[in-house]
Protein backbone atom coordinates (compact mmCIF):
# COMPACT_ATOMS: atom_id res chain seq x y z
CA UNK A 1 11.17 19.99 20.30
CA UNK A 2 14.13 17.61 20.28
CA UNK A 3 13.59 14.89 17.68
CA UNK A 4 15.73 11.81 17.11
CA UNK A 5 15.55 10.14 13.70
CA UNK A 6 16.26 6.42 13.75
CA UNK A 7 17.20 4.79 10.45
CA UNK A 8 19.06 1.69 9.30
CA UNK A 9 21.79 0.79 6.84
CA UNK A 10 22.30 -2.81 5.74
CA UNK A 11 25.94 -3.35 4.77
CA UNK A 12 25.75 -7.11 4.24
CA UNK A 13 22.76 -9.14 3.08
CA UNK A 14 21.80 -12.34 4.83
CA UNK A 15 19.60 -13.38 1.88
CA UNK A 16 18.77 -12.30 -1.64
CA UNK A 17 21.08 -10.49 -4.06
CA UNK A 18 23.41 -7.52 -4.07
CA UNK A 19 20.96 -5.49 -6.16
CA UNK A 20 18.44 -5.72 -3.31
CA UNK A 21 20.65 -3.21 -1.48
CA UNK A 22 19.15 -0.50 -3.71
CA UNK A 23 15.93 -0.75 -1.73
CA UNK A 24 17.82 -0.63 1.57
CA UNK A 25 19.87 2.41 0.51
CA UNK A 26 16.72 4.42 -0.19
CA UNK A 27 16.43 5.01 3.55
CA UNK A 28 19.35 7.49 3.48
CA UNK A 29 17.45 9.70 1.05
CA UNK A 30 14.35 9.51 3.23
CA UNK A 31 16.28 10.29 6.41
CA UNK A 32 17.89 13.39 4.91
CA UNK A 33 14.57 14.67 3.60
CA UNK A 34 12.80 14.15 6.92
CA UNK A 35 15.67 15.80 8.78
CA UNK A 36 15.57 18.90 6.57
CA UNK A 37 11.79 19.12 6.94
CA UNK A 38 11.98 18.92 10.73
CA UNK A 39 14.80 21.45 10.98
CA UNK A 40 12.90 23.85 8.73
CA UNK A 41 10.00 23.57 11.19
CA UNK A 42 12.23 24.70 14.05
CA UNK A 43 13.00 21.35 15.68
CA UNK A 44 16.38 20.29 17.03
CA UNK A 45 17.16 17.06 15.16
CA UNK A 46 19.79 14.34 15.40
CA UNK A 47 19.91 11.07 13.47
CA UNK A 48 21.01 7.63 14.72
CA UNK A 49 21.51 4.25 13.09
CA UNK A 50 19.27 1.56 14.59
CA UNK A 51 21.80 -0.76 16.22
CA UNK A 52 21.39 -2.82 19.41
CA UNK A 53 23.96 -0.62 21.14
CA UNK A 54 21.87 2.51 20.49
CA UNK A 55 19.19 1.49 22.95
CA UNK A 56 21.68 0.52 25.65
CA UNK A 57 23.87 3.60 25.26
CA UNK A 58 21.46 6.20 26.61
CA UNK A 59 21.91 8.37 23.52
CA UNK A 60 18.15 8.74 23.12
CA UNK A 61 17.63 10.22 26.57
CA UNK A 62 16.38 13.77 26.52
CA UNK A 63 14.60 13.54 23.18
CA UNK A 64 10.90 14.44 23.02
CA UNK A 65 10.07 12.36 19.96
CA UNK A 66 11.59 9.64 17.78
CA UNK A 67 10.89 9.67 14.05
CA UNK A 68 11.20 5.97 13.29
CA UNK A 69 12.45 5.19 9.78
CA UNK A 70 14.21 1.93 10.70
CA UNK A 71 13.36 -1.12 8.60
CA UNK A 72 15.78 -3.49 10.33
CA UNK A 73 17.49 -3.96 13.67
CA UNK A 74 21.23 -3.99 13.13
CA UNK A 75 21.76 -6.44 10.27
CA UNK A 76 18.51 -8.29 10.97
CA UNK A 77 16.07 -7.26 8.23
CA UNK A 78 13.32 -9.20 10.03
CA UNK A 79 13.94 -7.17 13.17
CA UNK A 80 11.92 -4.09 12.18
CA UNK A 81 9.31 -4.72 14.94
CA UNK A 82 12.05 -4.66 17.60
CA UNK A 83 12.48 -0.89 17.18
CA UNK A 84 9.03 0.27 18.36
CA UNK A 85 9.07 -2.44 21.04
CA UNK A 86 12.31 -1.01 22.44
CA UNK A 87 11.01 2.57 22.22
CA UNK A 88 7.81 1.60 24.05
CA UNK A 89 9.87 0.04 26.85
CA UNK A 90 11.87 3.27 27.10
CA UNK A 91 8.70 5.35 27.23
CA UNK A 92 9.69 7.39 24.18
CA UNK A 93 6.97 8.67 21.83
CA UNK A 94 7.63 7.62 18.23
CA UNK A 95 6.11 7.98 14.80
CA UNK A 96 4.52 5.12 12.92
CA UNK A 97 3.09 1.74 13.75
CA UNK A 98 3.84 -0.46 16.72
CA UNK A 99 5.62 -3.77 16.96
CA UNK A 100 2.55 -5.96 16.47
CA UNK A 101 1.48 -4.19 13.29
CA UNK A 102 4.98 -4.23 11.78
CA UNK A 103 5.43 -7.92 12.57
CA UNK A 104 2.11 -8.94 11.05
CA UNK A 105 2.38 -6.77 7.93
CA UNK A 106 5.88 -8.09 7.29
CA UNK A 107 4.31 -11.54 7.03
CA UNK A 108 2.28 -11.52 3.81
CA UNK A 109 0.58 -14.82 4.61
CA UNK A 110 -0.60 -13.77 8.05
CA UNK A 111 -1.81 -10.46 6.62
CA UNK A 112 -3.90 -12.21 3.98
CA UNK A 113 -5.35 -14.58 6.57
CA UNK A 114 -6.49 -11.57 8.59
CA UNK A 115 -7.99 -9.98 5.47
CA UNK A 116 -9.99 -13.10 4.74
CA UNK A 117 -11.22 -13.44 8.34
CA UNK A 118 -12.47 -9.83 8.19
CA UNK A 119 -14.16 -10.21 4.82
CA UNK A 120 -11.65 -8.09 2.88
CA UNK A 121 -11.24 -9.27 -0.70
CA UNK A 122 -7.69 -10.43 -1.48
CA UNK A 123 -6.33 -12.73 -4.22
CA UNK A 124 -6.48 -16.47 -3.53
CA UNK A 125 -3.15 -17.84 -2.38
CA UNK A 126 -1.03 -20.87 -1.54
CA UNK A 127 2.16 -21.18 0.52
CA UNK A 128 5.07 -23.48 -0.33
CA UNK A 129 7.85 -24.35 2.09
CA UNK A 130 9.31 -26.71 -0.52
CA UNK A 131 8.93 -27.28 -4.23
CA UNK A 132 5.76 -29.29 -4.92
CA UNK A 133 6.31 -32.74 -6.34
CA UNK A 134 2.71 -33.47 -7.30
CA UNK A 135 0.90 -31.76 -10.16
CA UNK A 136 -2.19 -29.75 -9.30
CA UNK A 137 -4.55 -27.55 -11.24
CA UNK A 138 -4.12 -23.87 -10.41
CA UNK A 139 -5.95 -20.82 -11.82
CA UNK A 140 -3.07 -19.56 -13.98
CA UNK A 141 -1.60 -17.00 -14.29
CA UNK A 142 -0.12 -16.85 -10.79
CA UNK A 143 2.42 -14.55 -9.18
CA UNK A 144 5.18 -15.90 -6.91
CA UNK A 145 6.68 -13.79 -4.11
CA UNK A 146 8.76 -14.16 -0.96
CA UNK A 147 6.50 -14.28 2.09
CA UNK A 148 8.49 -11.81 4.20
CA UNK A 149 10.02 -9.12 2.02
CA UNK A 150 8.89 -5.63 1.08
CA UNK A 151 9.90 -3.00 -1.51
CA UNK A 152 9.21 -5.57 -4.29
CA UNK A 153 12.33 -7.52 -3.29
CA UNK A 154 12.23 -10.93 -4.96
CA UNK A 155 9.62 -9.86 -7.54
CA UNK A 156 10.71 -9.68 -11.18
CA UNK A 157 9.24 -10.07 -14.66
CA UNK A 158 9.35 -13.87 -14.40
CA UNK A 159 7.39 -13.83 -11.13
CA UNK A 160 4.14 -14.16 -13.09
CA UNK A 161 3.92 -17.79 -14.21
CA UNK A 162 1.57 -19.54 -16.62
CA UNK A 163 2.34 -23.23 -16.16
CA UNK A 164 3.45 -25.86 -13.66
CA UNK A 165 7.06 -25.93 -14.86
CA UNK A 166 7.61 -22.19 -14.37
CA UNK A 167 5.71 -22.26 -11.08
CA UNK A 168 8.05 -24.91 -9.62
CA UNK A 169 11.09 -23.08 -10.94
CA UNK A 170 10.09 -19.81 -9.32
CA UNK A 171 9.14 -21.43 -6.01
CA UNK A 172 12.57 -23.09 -5.91
CA UNK A 173 14.22 -19.74 -6.68
CA UNK A 174 12.49 -17.98 -3.79
CA UNK A 175 13.16 -20.73 -1.26
CA UNK A 176 16.83 -21.06 -2.21
CA UNK A 177 17.74 -17.38 -2.48
CA UNK A 178 15.48 -15.72 0.08
CA UNK A 179 15.51 -18.55 2.63
CA UNK A 180 11.78 -18.41 3.28
CA UNK A 181 8.57 -19.97 1.95
CA UNK A 182 7.14 -18.82 -1.37
CA UNK A 183 3.76 -17.10 -1.54
CA UNK A 184 1.81 -18.00 -4.67
CA UNK A 185 -1.11 -15.71 -5.44
CA UNK A 186 -3.79 -15.64 -8.08
CA UNK A 187 -2.58 -12.94 -10.48
CA UNK A 188 -5.16 -10.16 -10.79
CA UNK A 189 -4.61 -8.43 -14.13
CA UNK A 190 -6.15 -5.14 -13.11
CA UNK A 191 -5.32 -1.55 -12.23
CA UNK A 192 -2.57 -0.94 -9.64
CA UNK A 193 -3.94 1.42 -6.99
CA UNK A 194 -2.10 2.98 -4.02
CA UNK A 195 -3.96 4.64 -1.16
CA UNK A 196 -2.01 6.87 1.24
CA UNK A 197 -3.66 7.46 4.62
CA UNK A 198 -2.81 9.80 7.51
CA UNK A 199 -4.19 9.64 11.04
CA UNK A 200 -5.34 7.33 13.80
CA UNK A 201 -8.52 5.57 14.87
CA UNK A 202 -11.61 7.35 13.62
CA UNK A 203 -9.65 10.42 12.54
CA UNK A 204 -8.24 9.35 9.17
CA UNK A 205 -7.48 11.42 6.10
CA UNK A 206 -7.32 9.57 2.80
CA UNK A 207 -5.02 11.42 0.40
CA UNK A 208 -5.76 11.55 -3.35
CA UNK A 209 -5.64 8.00 -4.69
CA UNK A 210 -2.75 7.11 -7.02
CA UNK A 211 -2.54 4.66 -9.90
CA UNK A 212 0.48 3.08 -11.56
CA UNK A 213 -0.05 3.33 -15.31
CA UNK A 214 1.60 0.46 -17.20
CA UNK A 215 3.02 1.20 -20.64
CA UNK A 216 5.11 -1.91 -21.24
CA UNK A 217 6.20 -3.94 -24.26
CA UNK A 218 3.98 -6.86 -25.13
CA UNK A 219 4.76 -9.93 -23.08
CA UNK A 220 5.86 -8.13 -19.92
CA UNK A 221 3.55 -8.50 -16.92
CA UNK A 222 1.74 -5.46 -15.54
CA UNK A 223 3.36 -5.57 -12.10
CA UNK A 224 5.47 -3.28 -9.92
CA UNK A 225 8.56 -5.47 -9.95
CA UNK A 226 11.86 -4.71 -8.23
CA UNK A 227 13.14 -3.32 -11.53
CA UNK A 228 10.07 -1.09 -11.85
CA UNK A 229 10.75 0.42 -8.43
CA UNK A 230 14.52 0.71 -8.33
CA UNK A 231 16.34 0.28 -11.68
CA UNK A 232 15.94 3.63 -13.45
CA UNK A 233 17.30 2.52 -16.85
CA UNK A 234 15.13 -0.61 -16.95
CA UNK A 235 12.15 -0.90 -19.31
CA UNK A 236 9.94 -1.81 -16.34
CA UNK A 237 10.89 1.41 -14.51
CA UNK A 238 10.28 3.56 -17.58
CA UNK A 239 6.99 1.81 -18.31
CA UNK A 240 5.42 2.24 -14.87
CA UNK A 241 4.32 5.84 -14.36
CA UNK A 242 2.39 7.16 -11.38
CA UNK A 243 -0.81 9.14 -11.94
CA UNK A 244 -2.32 11.06 -9.04
CA UNK A 245 -5.19 11.47 -8.71
CA UNK A 246 -6.29 8.29 -10.46
CA UNK A 247 -9.19 8.39 -12.90
CA UNK A 248 -11.87 6.65 -10.89
CA UNK A 249 -15.63 6.77 -10.95
CA UNK A 250 -17.37 8.02 -7.83
CA UNK A 251 -18.44 4.46 -7.02
CA UNK A 252 -14.91 3.08 -7.51
CA UNK A 253 -13.37 5.88 -5.43
CA UNK A 254 -15.78 5.40 -2.54
CA UNK A 255 -15.32 1.61 -2.57
CA UNK A 256 -11.51 1.84 -2.67
CA UNK A 257 -11.37 4.44 0.10
CA UNK A 258 -13.70 2.40 2.29
CA UNK A 259 -11.71 -0.79 1.71
CA UNK A 260 -8.40 0.98 2.36
CA UNK A 261 -9.51 2.59 5.63
CA UNK A 262 -10.98 -0.73 6.79
CA UNK A 263 -7.64 -2.46 6.14
CA UNK A 264 -5.74 0.39 7.85
CA UNK A 265 -7.79 0.07 11.03
CA UNK A 266 -7.85 -3.72 10.89
CA UNK A 267 -4.05 -3.87 10.90
CA UNK A 268 -3.87 -1.22 13.66
CA UNK A 269 -1.73 1.19 11.66
CA UNK A 270 -0.52 4.36 13.37
CA UNK A 271 -0.01 7.85 11.97
CA UNK A 272 0.47 6.96 8.28
CA UNK A 273 0.41 3.95 5.95
CA UNK A 274 -0.11 2.97 2.32
CA UNK A 275 -2.59 0.35 1.11
CA UNK A 276 -1.88 -1.42 -2.21
CA UNK A 277 -4.90 -2.57 -4.18
CA UNK A 278 -5.64 -4.21 -7.54
CA UNK A 279 -8.89 -3.06 -9.13
CA UNK A 280 -10.41 -5.54 -11.60
CA UNK A 281 -13.99 -5.68 -12.89
CA UNK A 282 -15.03 -3.14 -10.28
CA UNK A 283 -13.66 -5.26 -7.42
CA UNK A 284 -10.79 -3.92 -5.25
CA UNK A 285 -8.44 -6.71 -4.15
CA UNK A 286 -6.28 -5.63 -1.22
CA UNK A 287 -2.72 -6.87 -1.78
CA UNK A 288 -0.77 -5.39 1.13
CA UNK A 289 -0.82 -2.92 3.98
CA UNK A 290 2.44 -0.95 4.25
CA UNK A 291 2.92 0.66 7.68
CA UNK A 292 5.74 3.22 7.84
CA UNK A 293 5.90 3.35 4.01
CA UNK A 294 8.44 5.15 1.85
CA UNK A 295 8.05 8.93 2.30
CA UNK A 296 11.02 10.14 0.27
CA UNK A 297 10.60 13.70 -0.93
CA UNK A 298 10.81 13.27 -4.70
CA UNK A 299 10.09 9.63 -5.49
CA UNK A 300 7.49 8.33 -3.08
CA UNK A 301 3.85 8.01 -3.98
CA UNK A 302 3.00 9.13 -0.46
CA UNK A 303 4.69 12.51 -0.88
CA UNK A 304 3.10 12.97 -4.32
CA UNK A 305 -0.37 12.22 -2.91
CA UNK A 306 0.26 14.71 -0.08
CA UNK A 307 1.21 17.42 -2.59
CA UNK A 308 -1.99 16.76 -4.54
CA UNK A 309 -3.84 17.31 -1.25
CA UNK A 310 -2.10 20.67 -0.82
CA UNK A 311 0.54 19.54 1.67
CA UNK A 312 4.14 20.52 1.00
CA UNK A 313 6.74 18.04 2.19
CA UNK A 314 7.46 19.81 5.54
CA UNK A 315 3.68 19.90 6.10
CA UNK A 316 3.50 16.13 5.58
CA UNK A 317 6.31 15.46 8.04
CA UNK A 318 4.81 17.85 10.60
CA UNK A 319 1.46 16.08 10.22
CA UNK A 320 3.03 12.67 10.91
CA UNK A 321 4.73 14.04 14.03
CA UNK A 322 1.50 15.72 15.16
CA UNK A 323 -0.41 12.46 14.68
CA UNK A 324 2.18 10.64 16.82
CA UNK A 325 2.07 13.24 19.59
CA UNK A 326 -1.72 13.18 19.77
CA UNK A 327 -1.76 9.38 19.79
CA UNK A 328 0.86 9.23 22.54
CA UNK A 329 -0.97 11.82 24.66
CA UNK A 330 -4.26 9.96 24.20
CA UNK A 331 -2.68 6.66 25.28
CA UNK A 332 -1.29 8.30 28.42
CA UNK A 333 -4.76 9.55 29.27
CA UNK A 334 -6.16 6.09 28.69
CA UNK A 335 -8.38 6.66 25.69
């Protein structure tokens, strides 16, 4: 089978800071790993950067499948949904979620509104388009995030705030530097749980559940900040260690798996996705749904969970492609 891999490289940032490029550069590692896995499975593979000219050039003609790793469209980091939309118009089968799912999940506020409407427990939240001028009682501590970023971009150790002064300061920081509203959430000081899921519709496989174990100096918040994800010599990175499978009771495991699969279906995820949850006092709070999540060979929680389930990396990539082919064939048949 002829497979095209579409990926993106951001050379200049329209918002944020230069260090945020670390998250964007991860895609090269993922692309190379996926390419090697596909080649080892006997596929003919070629990779392309996701630029507007790619879809007008005809370079994708003749390919049987597109493995979509793109997280932006050209330099537009908010343009991730454009990629599957363009592929659908071209009639090309592709891996991962569609445009609607990517657009909604990129918007943390809209995602949480959908959770609430469906009865999925999520932390209470407020949205600020400008710095509040009036004092108000909030259930501190709170955590402040950009509304439309992923990969922990814009989240650092000072994102958890304990008073009005720090809250205003962090809201102003997000609005100024990330050019978007600030999402303020009730901070749930619980266990950080990641649930990797493969499949579509009623045919889902939940991989062994992972937990991020926090071993941090006193005073640092128990969060997966940008530093914890990307800065290898940082105390936050060294103090956040993945454990898979997580130590969960049967009741906790069943509840988390049920909540994760409900969120997966609710957001109409395709082929594979990761659900991030905080577990506190026996209650799973769904934080985010991550369609087309990081699947890098060595570092990603998804690949680790797959290995714990007995899937080597090429097996994982083959499974994602198989899921996409079956989904595409089913849609052509009308069911």
